[in-house]
Amino acid sequence: MKIKIRRKSITNLIKYFRENWGAPFIIAFMGLLIGAAYYLSIGNDKYANTLAEYAYYNLVIGVALQFISYIKYGGDEE
């Protein structure tokens, strides 16, 4: 299986992250929450709770940054 990464795709991704400051934190939130669910399923409650706590912090930071970037770049593109 061969994966092609086009220069235009990378440029669009960079532009997206420049305009949506909270996106990396929200992506990290989702990853940490999946990790917490995994550790909870294998019975490691303490580590799952710690990961869930860090996930929550990432979500709060991500939403705050998204709100700020929404104010800065505006919401209407029509």
PDB file of N, CA and C in Angstrom:
ATOM      1  N   MET A   1       0.841  -1.168   0.000  1.00  0.00           N
ATOM      2  CA  MET A   1       0.000   0.000   0.000  1.00  0.00           C
ATOM      3  C   MET A   1       0.892   1.239   0.000  1.00  0.00           C
ATOM      4  N   LYS A   2       0.606   2.134  -0.901  1.00  0.00           N
ATOM      5  CA  LYS A   2       1.411   3.334  -1.038  1.00  0.00           C
ATOM      6  C   LYS A   2       0.558   4.551  -0.697  1.00  0.00           C
ATOM      7  N   ILE A   3       1.096   5.409   0.133  1.00  0.00           N
ATOM      8  CA  ILE A   3       0.372   6.620   0.534  1.00  0.00           C
ATOM      9  C   ILE A   3       1.034   7.817  -0.132  1.00  0.00           C
ATOM     10  N   LYS A   4       0.229   8.585  -0.846  1.00  0.00           N
ATOM     11  CA  LYS A   4       0.738   9.793  -1.476  1.00  0.00           C
ATOM     12  C   LYS A   4       0.338  11.001  -0.628  1.00  0.00           C
ATOM     13  N   ILE A   5       1.312  11.824  -0.321  1.00  0.00           N
ATOM     14  CA  ILE A   5       1.041  13.062   0.399  1.00  0.00           C
ATOM     15  C   ILE A   5       1.353  14.199  -0.559  1.00  0.00           C
ATOM     16  N   ARG A   6       0.345  14.947  -0.873  1.00  0.00           N
ATOM     17  CA  ARG A   6       0.534  16.043  -1.805  1.00  0.00           C
ATOM     18  C   ARG A   6       0.910  17.301  -1.060  1.00  0.00           C
ATOM     19  N   ARG A   7       1.687  18.138  -1.737  1.00  0.00           N
ATOM     20  CA  ARG A   7       2.124  19.392  -1.152  1.00  0.00           C
ATOM     21  C   ARG A   7       0.937  20.287  -0.813  1.00  0.00           C
ATOM     22  N   LYS A   8      -0.104  20.233  -1.649  1.00  0.00           N
ATOM     23  CA  LYS A   8      -1.304  21.036  -1.414  1.00  0.00           C
ATOM     24  C   LYS A   8      -2.002  20.597  -0.132  1.00  0.00           C
ATOM     25  N   SER A   9      -2.016  19.304   0.143  1.00  0.00           N
ATOM     26  CA  SER A   9      -2.643  18.795   1.361  1.00  0.00           C
ATOM     27  C   SER A   9      -1.912  19.284   2.603  1.00  0.00           C
ATOM     28  N   ILE A  10      -0.593  19.271   2.538  1.00  0.00           N
ATOM     29  CA  ILE A  10       0.199  19.739   3.677  1.00  0.00           C
ATOM     30  C   ILE A  10      -0.007  21.233   3.874  1.00  0.00           C
ATOM     31  N   THR A  11      -0.063  21.985   2.774  1.00  0.00           N
ATOM     32  CA  THR A  11      -0.290  23.425   2.864  1.00  0.00           C
ATOM     33  C   THR A  11      -1.650  23.723   3.474  1.00  0.00           C
ATOM     34  N   ASN A  12      -2.673  22.971   3.060  1.00  0.00           N
ATOM     35  CA  ASN A  12      -4.012  23.161   3.627  1.00  0.00           C
ATOM     36  C   ASN A  12      -4.039  22.828   5.115  1.00  0.00           C
ATOM     37  N   LEU A  13      -3.314  21.783   5.511  1.00  0.00           N
ATOM     38  CA  LEU A  13      -3.264  21.393   6.919  1.00  0.00           C
ATOM     39  C   LEU A  13      -2.574  22.460   7.761  1.00  0.00           C
ATOM     40  N   ILE A  14      -1.480  23.010   7.255  1.00  0.00           N
ATOM     41  CA  ILE A  14      -0.775  24.069   7.975  1.00  0.00           C
ATOM     42  C   ILE A  14      -1.673  25.297   8.111  1.00  0.00           C
ATOM     43  N   LYS A  15      -2.376  25.645   7.039  1.00  0.00           N
ATOM     44  CA  LYS A  15      -3.292  26.790   7.089  1.00  0.00           C
ATOM     45  C   LYS A  15      -4.406  26.542   8.112  1.00  0.00           C
ATOM     46  N   TYR A  16      -4.913  25.308   8.160  1.00  0.00           N
ATOM     47  CA  TYR A  16      -5.969  24.978   9.115  1.00  0.00           C
ATOM     48  C   TYR A  16      -5.494  25.167  10.549  1.00  0.00           C
ATOM     49  N   PHE A  17      -4.293  24.680  10.858  1.00  0.00           N
ATOM     50  CA  PHE A  17      -3.779  24.798  12.218  1.00  0.00           C
ATOM     51  C   PHE A  17      -3.416  26.235  12.579  1.00  0.00           C
ATOM     52  N   ARG A  18      -3.057  27.053  11.588  1.00  0.00           N
ATOM     53  CA  ARG A  18      -2.788  28.467  11.874  1.00  0.00           C
ATOM     54  C   ARG A  18      -4.056  29.223  12.217  1.00  0.00           C
ATOM     55  N   GLU A  19      -5.174  28.840  11.619  1.00  0.00           N
ATOM     56  CA  GLU A  19      -6.437  29.531  11.874  1.00  0.00           C
ATOM     57  C   GLU A  19      -7.236  28.916  13.014  1.00  0.00           C
ATOM     58  N   ASN A  20      -6.939  27.697  13.389  1.00  0.00           N
ATOM     59  CA  ASN A  20      -7.651  27.000  14.460  1.00  0.00           C
ATOM     60  C   ASN A  20      -6.648  26.584  15.526  1.00  0.00           C
ATOM     61  N   TRP A  21      -6.346  27.520  16.403  1.00  0.00           N
ATOM     62  CA  TRP A  21      -5.295  27.319  17.395  1.00  0.00           C
ATOM     63  C   TRP A  21      -5.582  26.171  18.347  1.00  0.00           C
ATOM     64  N   GLY A  22      -6.841  25.892  18.621  1.00  0.00           N
ATOM     65  CA  GLY A  22      -7.175  24.862  19.587  1.00  0.00           C
ATOM     66  C   GLY A  22      -7.198  23.455  19.024  1.00  0.00           C
ATOM     67  N   ALA A  23      -7.093  23.313  17.712  1.00  0.00           N
ATOM     68  CA  ALA A  23      -7.203  21.991  17.086  1.00  0.00           C
ATOM     69  C   ALA A  23      -6.200  20.968  17.624  1.00  0.00           C
ATOM     70  N   PRO A  24      -4.911  21.303  17.787  1.00  0.00           N
ATOM     71  CA  PRO A  24      -3.988  20.294  18.321  1.00  0.00           C
ATOM     72  C   PRO A  24      -4.370  19.828  19.731  1.00  0.00           C
ATOM     73  N   PHE A  25      -4.873  20.742  20.548  1.00  0.00           N
ATOM     74  CA  PHE A  25      -5.270  20.363  21.909  1.00  0.00           C
ATOM     75  C   PHE A  25      -6.520  19.481  21.893  1.00  0.00           C
ATOM     76  N   ILE A  26      -7.423  19.748  20.982  1.00  0.00           N
ATOM     77  CA  ILE A  26      -8.641  18.931  20.893  1.00  0.00           C
ATOM     78  C   ILE A  26      -8.306  17.548  20.341  1.00  0.00           C
ATOM     79  N   ILE A  27      -7.363  17.468  19.406  1.00  0.00           N
ATOM     80  CA  ILE A  27      -6.907  16.173  18.907  1.00  0.00           C
ATOM     81  C   ILE A  27      -6.221  15.394  20.025  1.00  0.00           C
ATOM     82  N   ALA A  28      -5.394  16.090  20.823  1.00  0.00           N
ATOM     83  CA  ALA A  28      -4.743  15.437  21.966  1.00  0.00           C
ATOM     84  C   ALA A  28      -5.779  14.968  22.974  1.00  0.00           C
ATOM     85  N   PHE A  29      -6.842  15.758  23.174  1.00  0.00           N
ATOM     86  CA  PHE A  29      -7.931  15.360  24.069  1.00  0.00           C
ATOM     87  C   PHE A  29      -8.522  14.027  23.635  1.00  0.00           C
ATOM     88  N   MET A  30      -8.805  13.902  22.342  1.00  0.00           N
ATOM     89  CA  MET A  30      -9.405  12.658  21.843  1.00  0.00           C
ATOM     90  C   MET A  30      -8.466  11.474  22.020  1.00  0.00           C
ATOM     91  N   GLY A  31      -7.176  11.689  21.741  1.00  0.00           N
ATOM     92  CA  GLY A  31      -6.204  10.606  21.920  1.00  0.00           C
ATOM     93  C   GLY A  31      -6.070  10.183  23.375  1.00  0.00           C
ATOM     94  N   LEU A  32      -6.006  11.168  24.266  1.00  0.00           N
ATOM     95  CA  LEU A  32      -5.894  10.841  25.692  1.00  0.00           C
ATOM     96  C   LEU A  32      -7.147  10.149  26.212  1.00  0.00           C
ATOM     97  N   LEU A  33      -8.293  10.556  25.709  1.00  0.00           N
ATOM     98  CA  LEU A  33      -9.534   9.920  26.153  1.00  0.00           C
ATOM     99  C   LEU A  33      -9.627   8.478  25.671  1.00  0.00           C
ATOM    100  N   ILE A  34      -9.152   8.214  24.463  1.00  0.00           N
ATOM    101  CA  ILE A  34      -9.105   6.830  23.964  1.00  0.00           C
ATOM    102  C   ILE A  34      -8.144   6.008  24.813  1.00  0.00           C
ATOM    103  N   GLY A  35      -6.998   6.609  25.157  1.00  0.00           N
ATOM    104  CA  GLY A  35      -6.051   5.922  26.035  1.00  0.00           C
ATOM    105  C   GLY A  35      -6.639   5.640  27.401  1.00  0.00           C
ATOM    106  N   ALA A  36      -7.394   6.598  27.934  1.00  0.00           N
ATOM    107  CA  ALA A  36      -8.034   6.396  29.237  1.00  0.00           C
ATOM    108  C   ALA A  36      -9.053   5.267  29.173  1.00  0.00           C
ATOM    109  N   ALA A  37      -9.803   5.214  28.075  1.00  0.00           N
ATOM    110  CA  ALA A  37     -10.785   4.130  27.916  1.00  0.00           C
ATOM    111  C   ALA A  37     -10.089   2.777  27.843  1.00  0.00           C
ATOM    112  N   TYR A  38      -8.951   2.728  27.168  1.00  0.00           N
ATOM    113  CA  TYR A  38      -8.197   1.477  27.087  1.00  0.00           C
ATOM    114  C   TYR A  38      -7.725   1.036  28.469  1.00  0.00           C
ATOM    115  N   TYR A  39      -7.102   1.949  29.207  1.00  0.00           N
ATOM    116  CA  TYR A  39      -6.602   1.575  30.534  1.00  0.00           C
ATOM    117  C   TYR A  39      -7.734   1.235  31.500  1.00  0.00           C
ATOM    118  N   LEU A  40      -8.869   1.862  31.323  1.00  0.00           N
ATOM    119  CA  LEU A  40     -10.018   1.519  32.152  1.00  0.00           C
ATOM    120  C   LEU A  40     -10.503   0.112  31.823  1.00  0.00           C
ATOM    121  N   SER A  41     -10.452  -0.251  30.542  1.00  0.00           N
ATOM    122  CA  SER A  41     -10.930  -1.576  30.137  1.00  0.00           C
ATOM    123  C   SER A  41     -10.024  -2.700  30.634  1.00  0.00           C
ATOM    124  N   ILE A  42      -8.724  -2.409  30.824  1.00  0.00           N
ATOM    125  CA  ILE A  42      -7.840  -3.456  31.333  1.00  0.00           C
ATOM    126  C   ILE A  42      -7.722  -3.429  32.853  1.00  0.00           C
ATOM    127  N   GLY A  43      -8.449  -2.501  33.476  1.00  0.00           N
ATOM    128  CA  GLY A  43      -8.530  -2.504  34.929  1.00  0.00           C
ATOM    129  C   GLY A  43      -7.579  -1.578  35.651  1.00  0.00           C
ATOM    130  N   ASN A  44      -6.881  -0.736  34.942  1.00  0.00           N
ATOM    131  CA  ASN A  44      -5.958   0.197  35.584  1.00  0.00           C
ATOM    132  C   ASN A  44      -6.674   1.530  35.794  1.00  0.00           C
ATOM    133  N   ASP A  45      -7.495   1.582  36.841  1.00  0.00           N
ATOM    134  CA  ASP A  45      -8.353   2.743  37.087  1.00  0.00           C
ATOM    135  C   ASP A  45      -7.558   4.012  37.400  1.00  0.00           C
ATOM    136  N   LYS A  46      -6.497   3.868  38.171  1.00  0.00           N
ATOM    137  CA  LYS A  46      -5.741   5.048  38.590  1.00  0.00           C
ATOM    138  C   LYS A  46      -5.120   5.750  37.382  1.00  0.00           C
ATOM    139  N   TYR A  47      -4.487   4.997  36.498  1.00  0.00           N
ATOM    140  CA  TYR A  47      -3.864   5.585  35.310  1.00  0.00           C
ATOM    141  C   TYR A  47      -4.928   6.126  34.352  1.00  0.00           C
ATOM    142  N   ALA A  48      -6.065   5.447  34.249  1.00  0.00           N
ATOM    143  CA  ALA A  48      -7.164   5.916  33.393  1.00  0.00           C
ATOM    144  C   ALA A  48      -7.700   7.251  33.889  1.00  0.00           C
ATOM    145  N   ASN A  49      -7.840   7.392  35.193  1.00  0.00           N
ATOM    146  CA  ASN A  49      -8.316   8.662  35.748  1.00  0.00           C
ATOM    147  C   ASN A  49      -7.324   9.796  35.502  1.00  0.00           C
ATOM    148  N   THR A  50      -6.032   9.490  35.615  1.00  0.00           N
ATOM    149  CA  THR A  50      -5.015  10.505  35.357  1.00  0.00           C
ATOM    150  C   THR A  50      -5.063  10.953  33.898  1.00  0.00           C
ATOM    151  N   LEU A  51      -5.164   9.991  32.979  1.00  0.00           N
ATOM    152  CA  LEU A  51      -5.248  10.337  31.562  1.00  0.00           C
ATOM    153  C   LEU A  51      -6.513  11.132  31.256  1.00  0.00           C
ATOM    154  N   ALA A  52      -7.611  10.761  31.866  1.00  0.00           N
ATOM    155  CA  ALA A  52      -8.865  11.485  31.647  1.00  0.00           C
ATOM    156  C   ALA A  52      -8.754  12.918  32.169  1.00  0.00           C
ATOM    157  N   GLU A  53      -8.046  13.101  33.270  1.00  0.00           N
ATOM    158  CA  GLU A  53      -7.854  14.445  33.810  1.00  0.00           C
ATOM    159  C   GLU A  53      -7.033  15.307  32.849  1.00  0.00           C
ATOM    160  N   TYR A  54      -5.949  14.744  32.316  1.00  0.00           N
ATOM    161  CA  TYR A  54      -5.147  15.481  31.336  1.00  0.00           C
ATOM    162  C   TYR A  54      -5.944  15.743  30.052  1.00  0.00           C
ATOM    163  N   ALA A  55      -6.787  14.799  29.690  1.00  0.00           N
ATOM    164  CA  ALA A  55      -7.637  14.996  28.515  1.00  0.00           C
ATOM    165  C   ALA A  55      -8.575  16.173  28.731  1.00  0.00           C
ATOM    166  N   TYR A  56      -9.143  16.265  29.902  1.00  0.00           N
ATOM    167  CA  TYR A  56     -10.044  17.365  30.213  1.00  0.00           C
ATOM    168  C   TYR A  56      -9.318  18.702  30.147  1.00  0.00           C
ATOM    169  N   TYR A  57      -8.073  18.764  30.671  1.00  0.00           N
ATOM    170  CA  TYR A  57      -7.306  20.006  30.602  1.00  0.00           C
ATOM    171  C   TYR A  57      -7.054  20.406  29.151  1.00  0.00           C
ATOM    172  N   ASN A  58      -6.726  19.427  28.319  1.00  0.00           N
ATOM    173  CA  ASN A  58      -6.508  19.719  26.902  1.00  0.00           C
ATOM    174  C   ASN A  58      -7.777  20.219  26.241  1.00  0.00           C
ATOM    175  N   LEU A  59      -8.910  19.679  26.615  1.00  0.00           N
ATOM    176  CA  LEU A  59     -10.172  20.126  26.030  1.00  0.00           C
ATOM    177  C   LEU A  59     -10.467  21.568  26.416  1.00  0.00           C
ATOM    178  N   VAL A  60     -10.266  21.903  27.678  1.00  0.00           N
ATOM    179  CA  VAL A  60     -10.524  23.280  28.133  1.00  0.00           C
ATOM    180  C   VAL A  60      -9.604  24.257  27.402  1.00  0.00           C
ATOM    181  N   ILE A  61      -8.321  23.937  27.301  1.00  0.00           N
ATOM    182  CA  ILE A  61      -7.377  24.810  26.596  1.00  0.00           C
ATOM    183  C   ILE A  61      -7.755  24.909  25.123  1.00  0.00           C
ATOM    184  N   GLY A  62      -8.102  23.783  24.511  1.00  0.00           N
ATOM    185  CA  GLY A  62      -8.460  23.772  23.099  1.00  0.00           C
ATOM    186  C   GLY A  62      -9.695  24.592  22.797  1.00  0.00           C
ATOM    187  N   VAL A  63     -10.714  24.472  23.616  1.00  0.00           N
ATOM    188  CA  VAL A  63     -11.941  25.241  23.389  1.00  0.00           C
ATOM    189  C   VAL A  63     -11.679  26.732  23.593  1.00  0.00           C
ATOM    190  N   ALA A  64     -10.889  27.084  24.602  1.00  0.00           N
ATOM    191  CA  ALA A  64     -10.561  28.497  24.826  1.00  0.00           C
ATOM    192  C   ALA A  64      -9.793  29.068  23.635  1.00  0.00           C
ATOM    193  N   LEU A  65      -8.828  28.322  23.131  1.00  0.00           N
ATOM    194  CA  LEU A  65      -8.063  28.793  21.975  1.00  0.00           C
ATOM    195  C   LEU A  65      -8.926  28.862  20.718  1.00  0.00           C
ATOM    196  N   GLN A  66      -9.844  27.924  20.554  1.00  0.00           N
ATOM    197  CA  GLN A  66     -10.757  27.978  19.409  1.00  0.00           C
ATOM    198  C   GLN A  66     -11.632  29.220  19.482  1.00  0.00           C
ATOM    199  N   PHE A  67     -12.090  29.551  20.674  1.00  0.00           N
ATOM    200  CA  PHE A  67     -12.917  30.739  20.849  1.00  0.00           C
ATOM    201  C   PHE A  67     -12.123  31.999  20.492  1.00  0.00           C
ATOM    202  N   ILE A  68     -10.877  32.061  20.943  1.00  0.00           N
ATOM    203  CA  ILE A  68     -10.032  33.209  20.639  1.00  0.00           C
ATOM    204  C   ILE A  68      -9.766  33.311  19.139  1.00  0.00           C
ATOM    205  N   SER A  69      -9.458  32.182  18.504  1.00  0.00           N
ATOM    206  CA  SER A  69      -9.202  32.234  17.060  1.00  0.00           C
ATOM    207  C   SER A  69     -10.475  32.547  16.285  1.00  0.00           C
ATOM    208  N   TYR A  70     -11.627  32.143  16.800  1.00  0.00           N
ATOM    209  CA  TYR A  70     -12.899  32.495  16.166  1.00  0.00           C
ATOM    210  C   TYR A  70     -13.117  33.999  16.208  1.00  0.00           C
ATOM    211  N   ILE A  71     -12.787  34.600  17.340  1.00  0.00           N
ATOM    212  CA  ILE A  71     -12.924  36.053  17.457  1.00  0.00           C
ATOM    213  C   ILE A  71     -11.932  36.753  16.523  1.00  0.00           C
ATOM    214  N   LYS A  72     -10.705  36.252  16.455  1.00  0.00           N
ATOM    215  CA  LYS A  72      -9.670  36.890  15.647  1.00  0.00           C
ATOM    216  C   LYS A  72      -9.943  36.761  14.145  1.00  0.00           C
ATOM    217  N   TYR A  73     -10.266  35.553  13.697  1.00  0.00           N
ATOM    218  CA  TYR A  73     -10.426  35.326  12.260  1.00  0.00           C
ATOM    219  C   TYR A  73     -11.868  35.448  11.784  1.00  0.00           C
ATOM    220  N   GLY A  74     -12.809  35.558  12.686  1.00  0.00           N
ATOM    221  CA  GLY A  74     -14.216  35.714  12.306  1.00  0.00           C
ATOM    222  C   GLY A  74     -14.849  34.389  11.943  1.00  0.00           C
ATOM    223  N   GLY A  75     -16.146  34.367  12.009  1.00  0.00           N
ATOM    224  CA  GLY A  75     -16.859  33.135  11.746  1.00  0.00           C
ATOM    225  C   GLY A  75     -17.578  33.118  10.415  1.00  0.00           C
ATOM    226  N   ASP A  76     -17.857  34.285   9.821  1.00  0.00           N
ATOM    227  CA  ASP A  76     -18.595  34.287   8.557  1.00  0.00           C
ATOM    228  C   ASP A  76     -17.628  34.270   7.400  1.00  0.00           C
ATOM    229  N   GLU A  77     -17.769  33.239   6.611  1.00  0.00           N
ATOM    230  CA  GLU A  77     -16.972  33.164   5.386  1.00  0.00           C
ATOM    231  C   GLU A  77     -17.886  33.164   4.186  1.00  0.00           C
ATOM    232  N   GLU A  78     -19.090  33.673   4.352  1.00  0.00           N
ATOM    233  CA  GLU A  78     -20.043  33.675   3.256  1.00  0.00           C
ATOM    234  C   GLU A  78     -19.925  34.906   2.418  1.00  0.00           C
TER     235      GLU A  78
END
